[in-house]
Amino acid sequence: MTVTVLDRITADRAIARQSRDTPAYQILTQILGDYQTGATLKKPKVGDGAIIELVRLIVKANNDTIALLRTAESTFPERDFAEKLSFLENQNTILSQYIPELLTETELQTILVNLVIGGPVSIGDFQKHLRENYADRFKPGTAAQVYNAA
């Protein structure tokens, strides 16, 4: 039985609660709440893909806020943004363990070459193979660029 990202987050949340790790508990609770909200929509978003998308969105928002705070730091040196920066960076550290590493262009090229060895491959076949075998580990746009460059 494979452990889903949802299972990992749920278990890690319980551990954070027991160990009184408030920052981890809070962000993991937020992720689970957002996921449950998305699962109840008319077009529900469920599964690892949906939860990974949520985590990526929060990390991106945190990175955007970190960049703004760093700019504000230089503009307003009298203000102390260190605590907020530390908080956001800690959240990103916690969340990064739930984001699978994306395939590089070189890895995508290798996968495509291995597929082509078996005969002609359309872009649809290539992306279908990636979805079936490397779900949440590639960006369709990058895969299309690799295919078109080949």
N, C-alpha and C. Protein backbone atom coordinates (compact mmCIF):
# COMPACT_ATOMS: atom_id res chain seq x y z
N MET A 1 0.84 -1.19 0.00
CA MET A 1 0.00 0.00 0.00
C MET A 1 0.89 1.25 0.00
N THR A 2 0.59 2.13 -0.93
CA THR A 2 1.37 3.36 -1.00
C THR A 2 0.78 4.41 -0.07
N VAL A 3 1.66 5.20 0.50
CA VAL A 3 1.25 6.27 1.39
C VAL A 3 1.07 7.52 0.55
N THR A 4 -0.11 8.11 0.62
CA THR A 4 -0.38 9.31 -0.15
C THR A 4 0.17 10.53 0.58
N VAL A 5 0.24 11.63 -0.16
CA VAL A 5 0.70 12.88 0.44
C VAL A 5 -0.29 13.30 1.53
N LEU A 6 -1.57 13.08 1.30
CA LEU A 6 -2.59 13.40 2.30
C LEU A 6 -2.35 12.59 3.58
N ASP A 7 -2.03 11.31 3.45
CA ASP A 7 -1.73 10.47 4.62
C ASP A 7 -0.51 11.01 5.38
N ARG A 8 0.53 11.40 4.63
CA ARG A 8 1.75 11.92 5.26
C ARG A 8 1.47 13.21 6.01
N ILE A 9 0.71 14.11 5.38
CA ILE A 9 0.40 15.39 6.03
C ILE A 9 -0.45 15.16 7.29
N THR A 10 -1.42 14.26 7.20
CA THR A 10 -2.28 13.96 8.34
C THR A 10 -1.45 13.39 9.50
N ALA A 11 -0.56 12.46 9.19
CA ALA A 11 0.28 11.86 10.23
C ALA A 11 1.25 12.89 10.80
N ASP A 12 1.86 13.69 9.93
CA ASP A 12 2.80 14.71 10.41
C ASP A 12 2.09 15.77 11.25
N ARG A 13 0.86 16.06 10.92
CA ARG A 13 0.07 17.02 11.71
C ARG A 13 -0.16 16.48 13.12
N ALA A 14 -0.50 15.19 13.20
CA ALA A 14 -0.71 14.57 14.52
C ALA A 14 0.58 14.59 15.35
N ILE A 15 1.70 14.32 14.71
CA ILE A 15 3.00 14.36 15.40
C ILE A 15 3.31 15.78 15.86
N ALA A 16 3.04 16.76 14.99
CA ALA A 16 3.29 18.17 15.35
C ALA A 16 2.43 18.57 16.55
N ARG A 17 1.21 18.08 16.57
CA ARG A 17 0.32 18.41 17.70
C ARG A 17 0.84 17.80 18.99
N GLN A 18 1.23 16.54 18.93
CA GLN A 18 1.73 15.87 20.12
C GLN A 18 3.04 16.49 20.63
N SER A 19 3.88 16.92 19.70
CA SER A 19 5.16 17.49 20.10
C SER A 19 5.09 19.00 20.33
N ARG A 20 3.88 19.53 20.23
CA ARG A 20 3.63 20.96 20.45
C ARG A 20 4.43 21.86 19.49
N ASP A 21 4.57 21.37 18.26
CA ASP A 21 5.23 22.15 17.20
C ASP A 21 4.15 23.01 16.55
N THR A 22 3.85 24.14 17.16
CA THR A 22 2.74 24.99 16.73
C THR A 22 2.84 25.44 15.28
N PRO A 23 3.99 25.93 14.79
CA PRO A 23 4.04 26.37 13.39
C PRO A 23 3.71 25.24 12.41
N ALA A 24 4.26 24.06 12.64
CA ALA A 24 3.98 22.93 11.74
C ALA A 24 2.51 22.53 11.84
N TYR A 25 2.00 22.45 13.06
CA TYR A 25 0.61 22.08 13.25
C TYR A 25 -0.32 23.06 12.53
N GLN A 26 -0.05 24.35 12.66
CA GLN A 26 -0.93 25.36 12.04
C GLN A 26 -0.93 25.27 10.52
N ILE A 27 0.26 25.17 9.89
CA ILE A 27 0.30 25.16 8.43
C ILE A 27 -0.27 23.86 7.88
N LEU A 28 -0.02 22.74 8.56
CA LEU A 28 -0.58 21.47 8.09
C LEU A 28 -2.09 21.43 8.27
N THR A 29 -2.59 22.05 9.32
CA THR A 29 -4.04 22.16 9.52
C THR A 29 -4.65 23.01 8.41
N GLN A 30 -3.97 24.11 8.06
CA GLN A 30 -4.46 24.96 6.97
C GLN A 30 -4.51 24.18 5.66
N ILE A 31 -3.48 23.42 5.36
CA ILE A 31 -3.44 22.62 4.12
C ILE A 31 -4.60 21.63 4.10
N LEU A 32 -4.80 20.91 5.20
CA LEU A 32 -5.89 19.93 5.26
C LEU A 32 -7.26 20.60 5.12
N GLY A 33 -7.44 21.76 5.75
CA GLY A 33 -8.70 22.48 5.63
C GLY A 33 -8.95 22.95 4.21
N ASP A 34 -7.94 23.51 3.58
CA ASP A 34 -8.08 23.95 2.18
C ASP A 34 -8.36 22.77 1.26
N TYR A 35 -7.72 21.65 1.52
CA TYR A 35 -7.94 20.45 0.71
C TYR A 35 -9.37 19.95 0.86
N GLN A 36 -9.86 19.91 2.11
CA GLN A 36 -11.24 19.46 2.34
C GLN A 36 -12.25 20.39 1.69
N THR A 37 -11.97 21.69 1.69
CA THR A 37 -12.84 22.65 1.02
C THR A 37 -12.86 22.37 -0.47
N GLY A 38 -11.70 22.14 -1.07
CA GLY A 38 -11.61 21.85 -2.50
C GLY A 38 -12.29 20.55 -2.88
N ALA A 39 -12.33 19.60 -1.96
CA ALA A 39 -12.95 18.30 -2.23
C ALA A 39 -14.47 18.38 -2.22
N THR A 40 -15.03 19.46 -1.68
CA THR A 40 -16.49 19.57 -1.60
C THR A 40 -17.08 20.48 -2.68
N LEU A 41 -16.25 20.98 -3.59
CA LEU A 41 -16.74 21.84 -4.66
C LEU A 41 -17.55 21.04 -5.68
N LYS A 42 -18.25 21.75 -6.58
CA LYS A 42 -19.00 21.06 -7.63
C LYS A 42 -18.08 20.20 -8.48
N LYS A 43 -16.91 20.74 -8.78
CA LYS A 43 -15.88 19.98 -9.49
C LYS A 43 -14.76 19.73 -8.48
N PRO A 44 -14.91 18.67 -7.67
CA PRO A 44 -13.95 18.46 -6.58
C PRO A 44 -12.53 18.20 -7.08
N LYS A 45 -11.59 18.76 -6.32
CA LYS A 45 -10.18 18.50 -6.57
C LYS A 45 -9.70 17.59 -5.45
N VAL A 46 -9.39 16.36 -5.80
CA VAL A 46 -8.97 15.40 -4.79
C VAL A 46 -7.70 14.69 -5.26
N GLY A 47 -7.08 13.99 -4.35
CA GLY A 47 -5.90 13.21 -4.67
C GLY A 47 -4.61 13.98 -4.41
N ASP A 48 -3.52 13.28 -4.64
CA ASP A 48 -2.21 13.88 -4.39
C ASP A 48 -1.98 15.13 -5.22
N GLY A 49 -2.43 15.13 -6.46
CA GLY A 49 -2.24 16.28 -7.33
C GLY A 49 -2.85 17.54 -6.75
N ALA A 50 -4.04 17.43 -6.19
CA ALA A 50 -4.72 18.59 -5.62
C ALA A 50 -4.01 19.10 -4.38
N ILE A 51 -3.57 18.20 -3.53
CA ILE A 51 -2.91 18.65 -2.30
C ILE A 51 -1.52 19.20 -2.59
N ILE A 52 -0.82 18.62 -3.56
CA ILE A 52 0.49 19.14 -3.95
C ILE A 52 0.33 20.53 -4.56
N GLU A 53 -0.72 20.73 -5.34
CA GLU A 53 -1.00 22.04 -5.92
C GLU A 53 -1.23 23.08 -4.81
N LEU A 54 -1.98 22.71 -3.79
CA LEU A 54 -2.19 23.62 -2.65
C LEU A 54 -0.87 23.98 -1.97
N VAL A 55 -0.05 22.99 -1.74
CA VAL A 55 1.24 23.22 -1.07
C VAL A 55 2.10 24.15 -1.94
N ARG A 56 2.14 23.87 -3.25
CA ARG A 56 2.93 24.73 -4.15
C ARG A 56 2.42 26.17 -4.14
N LEU A 57 1.10 26.35 -4.10
CA LEU A 57 0.53 27.70 -4.08
C LEU A 57 0.93 28.45 -2.81
N ILE A 58 0.90 27.77 -1.67
CA ILE A 58 1.27 28.42 -0.41
C ILE A 58 2.76 28.76 -0.41
N VAL A 59 3.59 27.85 -0.90
CA VAL A 59 5.03 28.12 -0.96
C VAL A 59 5.30 29.30 -1.89
N LYS A 60 4.61 29.35 -3.03
CA LYS A 60 4.78 30.47 -3.96
C LYS A 60 4.34 31.79 -3.31
N ALA A 61 3.21 31.78 -2.64
CA ALA A 61 2.74 32.99 -1.96
C ALA A 61 3.73 33.42 -0.88
N ASN A 62 4.26 32.45 -0.14
CA ASN A 62 5.26 32.76 0.88
C ASN A 62 6.51 33.38 0.24
N ASN A 63 6.95 32.81 -0.88
CA ASN A 63 8.13 33.34 -1.56
C ASN A 63 7.89 34.76 -2.06
N ASP A 64 6.70 35.02 -2.58
CA ASP A 64 6.35 36.37 -3.02
C ASP A 64 6.38 37.35 -1.84
N THR A 65 5.82 36.92 -0.72
CA THR A 65 5.80 37.77 0.48
C THR A 65 7.22 38.00 1.01
N ILE A 66 8.03 36.96 0.98
CA ILE A 66 9.43 37.08 1.43
C ILE A 66 10.16 38.11 0.56
N ALA A 67 9.95 38.05 -0.74
CA ALA A 67 10.60 39.01 -1.64
C ALA A 67 10.15 40.44 -1.32
N LEU A 68 8.84 40.62 -1.07
CA LEU A 68 8.33 41.95 -0.71
C LEU A 68 8.91 42.44 0.61
N LEU A 69 9.01 41.55 1.58
CA LEU A 69 9.57 41.93 2.88
C LEU A 69 11.04 42.30 2.77
N ARG A 70 11.77 41.58 1.94
CA ARG A 70 13.19 41.91 1.75
C ARG A 70 13.33 43.30 1.11
N THR A 71 12.44 43.62 0.16
CA THR A 71 12.44 44.95 -0.45
C THR A 71 12.08 46.00 0.59
N ALA A 72 11.07 45.69 1.40
CA ALA A 72 10.64 46.63 2.45
C ALA A 72 11.74 46.84 3.48
N GLU A 73 12.51 45.80 3.75
CA GLU A 73 13.62 45.91 4.69
C GLU A 73 14.62 46.98 4.27
N SER A 74 14.90 47.00 2.97
CA SER A 74 15.87 47.99 2.50
C SER A 74 15.25 49.39 2.42
N THR A 75 13.94 49.44 2.21
CA THR A 75 13.25 50.73 2.13
C THR A 75 12.99 51.32 3.51
N PHE A 76 12.66 50.45 4.46
CA PHE A 76 12.34 50.89 5.83
C PHE A 76 13.28 50.20 6.81
N PRO A 77 14.54 50.61 6.87
CA PRO A 77 15.51 49.91 7.73
C PRO A 77 15.16 49.97 9.22
N GLU A 78 14.32 50.92 9.61
CA GLU A 78 13.96 51.04 11.03
C GLU A 78 12.96 49.95 11.46
N ARG A 79 12.32 49.30 10.49
CA ARG A 79 11.36 48.24 10.82
C ARG A 79 12.06 46.90 10.84
N ASP A 80 11.61 46.03 11.71
CA ASP A 80 12.22 44.72 11.83
C ASP A 80 11.29 43.66 11.23
N PHE A 81 11.71 43.10 10.12
CA PHE A 81 10.92 42.08 9.44
C PHE A 81 11.46 40.68 9.69
N ALA A 82 12.48 40.55 10.51
CA ALA A 82 13.17 39.26 10.71
C ALA A 82 12.23 38.17 11.20
N GLU A 83 11.34 38.51 12.13
CA GLU A 83 10.44 37.50 12.70
C GLU A 83 9.49 36.96 11.63
N LYS A 84 8.91 37.85 10.83
CA LYS A 84 7.99 37.43 9.78
C LYS A 84 8.73 36.64 8.70
N LEU A 85 9.93 37.08 8.33
CA LEU A 85 10.73 36.35 7.35
C LEU A 85 11.05 34.94 7.85
N SER A 86 11.45 34.84 9.11
CA SER A 86 11.76 33.55 9.70
C SER A 86 10.54 32.63 9.70
N PHE A 87 9.38 33.20 10.04
CA PHE A 87 8.13 32.44 10.08
C PHE A 87 7.81 31.86 8.70
N LEU A 88 7.89 32.70 7.65
CA LEU A 88 7.56 32.25 6.29
C LEU A 88 8.59 31.24 5.78
N GLU A 89 9.85 31.48 6.06
CA GLU A 89 10.89 30.54 5.63
C GLU A 89 10.73 29.19 6.34
N ASN A 90 10.33 29.21 7.60
CA ASN A 90 10.08 27.97 8.34
C ASN A 90 8.89 27.22 7.72
N GLN A 91 7.83 27.95 7.36
CA GLN A 91 6.69 27.31 6.70
C GLN A 91 7.14 26.63 5.41
N ASN A 92 7.94 27.33 4.62
CA ASN A 92 8.40 26.76 3.36
C ASN A 92 9.25 25.51 3.59
N THR A 93 10.05 25.51 4.65
CA THR A 93 10.86 24.34 4.98
C THR A 93 9.95 23.16 5.33
N ILE A 94 8.93 23.42 6.10
CA ILE A 94 7.97 22.37 6.48
C ILE A 94 7.27 21.83 5.24
N LEU A 95 6.79 22.73 4.38
CA LEU A 95 6.00 22.32 3.22
C LEU A 95 6.82 21.69 2.10
N SER A 96 8.09 22.03 2.01
CA SER A 96 8.91 21.54 0.89
C SER A 96 9.01 20.02 0.85
N GLN A 97 8.86 19.38 2.00
CA GLN A 97 8.96 17.92 2.02
C GLN A 97 7.77 17.23 1.34
N TYR A 98 6.71 17.97 1.05
CA TYR A 98 5.53 17.39 0.40
C TYR A 98 5.46 17.68 -1.09
N ILE A 99 6.46 18.40 -1.61
CA ILE A 99 6.47 18.74 -3.03
C ILE A 99 7.48 17.84 -3.73
N PRO A 100 7.00 17.00 -4.66
CA PRO A 100 7.95 16.15 -5.37
C PRO A 100 8.86 16.99 -6.27
N GLU A 101 10.09 16.53 -6.42
CA GLU A 101 11.05 17.25 -7.26
C GLU A 101 10.65 17.09 -8.72
N LEU A 102 10.63 18.20 -9.46
CA LEU A 102 10.27 18.17 -10.87
C LEU A 102 11.39 17.55 -11.69
N LEU A 103 11.00 16.85 -12.76
CA LEU A 103 11.99 16.30 -13.68
C LEU A 103 12.69 17.44 -14.41
N THR A 104 13.97 17.29 -14.64
CA THR A 104 14.72 18.30 -15.39
C THR A 104 14.49 18.08 -16.88
N GLU A 105 14.88 19.07 -17.68
CA GLU A 105 14.75 18.91 -19.13
C GLU A 105 15.57 17.72 -19.62
N THR A 106 16.74 17.52 -19.04
CA THR A 106 17.59 16.39 -19.43
C THR A 106 16.90 15.07 -19.13
N GLU A 107 16.26 14.98 -17.96
CA GLU A 107 15.52 13.75 -17.61
C GLU A 107 14.35 13.54 -18.56
N LEU A 108 13.65 14.62 -18.91
CA LEU A 108 12.54 14.51 -19.86
C LEU A 108 13.04 14.05 -21.23
N GLN A 109 14.18 14.58 -21.66
CA GLN A 109 14.76 14.16 -22.94
C GLN A 109 15.11 12.68 -22.92
N THR A 110 15.67 12.21 -21.82
CA THR A 110 16.03 10.80 -21.69
C THR A 110 14.78 9.92 -21.76
N ILE A 111 13.72 10.34 -21.09
CA ILE A 111 12.47 9.58 -21.12
C ILE A 111 11.93 9.53 -22.54
N LEU A 112 11.98 10.67 -23.24
CA LEU A 112 11.48 10.73 -24.62
C LEU A 112 12.32 9.83 -25.52
N VAL A 113 13.64 9.87 -25.40
CA VAL A 113 14.51 9.03 -26.22
C VAL A 113 14.18 7.56 -25.98
N ASN A 114 13.98 7.16 -24.73
CA ASN A 114 13.65 5.77 -24.42
C ASN A 114 12.31 5.37 -25.02
N LEU A 115 11.37 6.29 -25.08
CA LEU A 115 10.08 6.00 -25.71
C LEU A 115 10.22 5.87 -27.22
N VAL A 116 11.00 6.75 -27.83
CA VAL A 116 11.17 6.76 -29.29
C VAL A 116 11.88 5.50 -29.77
N ILE A 117 12.71 4.91 -28.93
CA ILE A 117 13.39 3.66 -29.29
C ILE A 117 12.37 2.59 -29.65
N GLY A 118 11.22 2.61 -29.00
CA GLY A 118 10.17 1.63 -29.26
C GLY A 118 9.33 1.95 -30.48
N GLY A 119 9.54 3.07 -31.12
CA GLY A 119 8.77 3.46 -32.30
C GLY A 119 8.34 4.91 -32.19
N PRO A 120 7.66 5.40 -33.24
CA PRO A 120 7.23 6.81 -33.25
C PRO A 120 6.32 7.13 -32.05
N VAL A 121 6.51 8.33 -31.53
CA VAL A 121 5.75 8.77 -30.36
C VAL A 121 5.19 10.16 -30.64
N SER A 122 3.88 10.33 -30.44
CA SER A 122 3.27 11.65 -30.58
C SER A 122 3.43 12.41 -29.27
N ILE A 123 3.19 13.71 -29.32
CA ILE A 123 3.27 14.51 -28.09
C ILE A 123 2.23 14.02 -27.08
N GLY A 124 1.07 13.60 -27.57
CA GLY A 124 0.03 13.07 -26.69
C GLY A 124 0.48 11.80 -25.98
N ASP A 125 1.14 10.92 -26.75
CA ASP A 125 1.67 9.68 -26.15
C ASP A 125 2.73 9.99 -25.09
N PHE A 126 3.58 10.97 -25.40
CA PHE A 126 4.64 11.37 -24.48
C PHE A 126 4.05 11.90 -23.18
N GLN A 127 3.09 12.81 -23.29
CA GLN A 127 2.49 13.38 -22.08
C GLN A 127 1.66 12.36 -21.32
N LYS A 128 1.02 11.45 -22.03
CA LYS A 128 0.27 10.39 -21.35
C LYS A 128 1.23 9.52 -20.54
N HIS A 129 2.36 9.17 -21.14
CA HIS A 129 3.37 8.36 -20.44
C HIS A 129 3.86 9.10 -19.19
N LEU A 130 4.09 10.39 -19.32
CA LEU A 130 4.55 11.17 -18.17
C LEU A 130 3.48 11.22 -17.07
N ARG A 131 2.22 11.43 -17.45
CA ARG A 131 1.14 11.46 -16.44
C ARG A 131 1.01 10.14 -15.71
N GLU A 132 1.13 9.04 -16.46
CA GLU A 132 0.96 7.71 -15.86
C GLU A 132 2.14 7.31 -14.97
N ASN A 133 3.35 7.77 -15.32
CA ASN A 133 4.54 7.30 -14.62
C ASN A 133 5.24 8.35 -13.76
N TYR A 134 4.94 9.62 -14.02
CA TYR A 134 5.65 10.69 -13.30
C TYR A 134 4.66 11.79 -12.88
N ALA A 135 3.51 11.40 -12.42
CA ALA A 135 2.48 12.36 -12.03
C ALA A 135 3.03 13.38 -11.05
N ASP A 136 2.69 14.64 -11.26
CA ASP A 136 3.09 15.76 -10.39
C ASP A 136 4.59 16.01 -10.38
N ARG A 137 5.33 15.42 -11.31
CA ARG A 137 6.78 15.63 -11.34
C ARG A 137 7.24 16.33 -12.62
N PHE A 138 6.29 16.83 -13.42
CA PHE A 138 6.67 17.54 -14.64
C PHE A 138 5.64 18.62 -14.94
N LYS A 139 6.10 19.62 -15.68
CA LYS A 139 5.21 20.67 -16.15
C LYS A 139 4.88 20.38 -17.60
N PRO A 140 3.61 20.33 -17.97
CA PRO A 140 3.25 20.02 -19.36
C PRO A 140 3.93 20.93 -20.38
N GLY A 141 4.08 22.21 -20.05
CA GLY A 141 4.73 23.14 -20.97
C GLY A 141 6.18 22.77 -21.23
N THR A 142 6.88 22.37 -20.18
CA THR A 142 8.28 21.96 -20.32
C THR A 142 8.36 20.68 -21.13
N ALA A 143 7.45 19.75 -20.89
CA ALA A 143 7.43 18.50 -21.64
C ALA A 143 7.19 18.78 -23.13
N ALA A 144 6.29 19.70 -23.43
CA ALA A 144 6.00 20.06 -24.82
C ALA A 144 7.23 20.69 -25.48
N GLN A 145 7.94 21.54 -24.74
CA GLN A 145 9.16 22.17 -25.29
C GLN A 145 10.21 21.10 -25.60
N VAL A 146 10.37 20.14 -24.71
CA VAL A 146 11.35 19.08 -24.92
C VAL A 146 10.95 18.26 -26.14
N TYR A 147 9.66 17.96 -26.27
CA TYR A 147 9.18 17.17 -27.40
C TYR A 147 9.41 17.92 -28.71
N ASN A 148 9.05 19.20 -28.73
CA ASN A 148 9.18 20.00 -29.95
C ASN A 148 10.63 20.24 -30.35
N ALA A 149 11.53 20.25 -29.36
CA ALA A 149 12.95 20.46 -29.65
C ALA A 149 13.61 19.19 -30.19
N ALA A 150 12.97 18.06 -29.95
CA ALA A 150 13.57 16.77 -30.38
C ALA A 150 13.38 16.53 -31.86
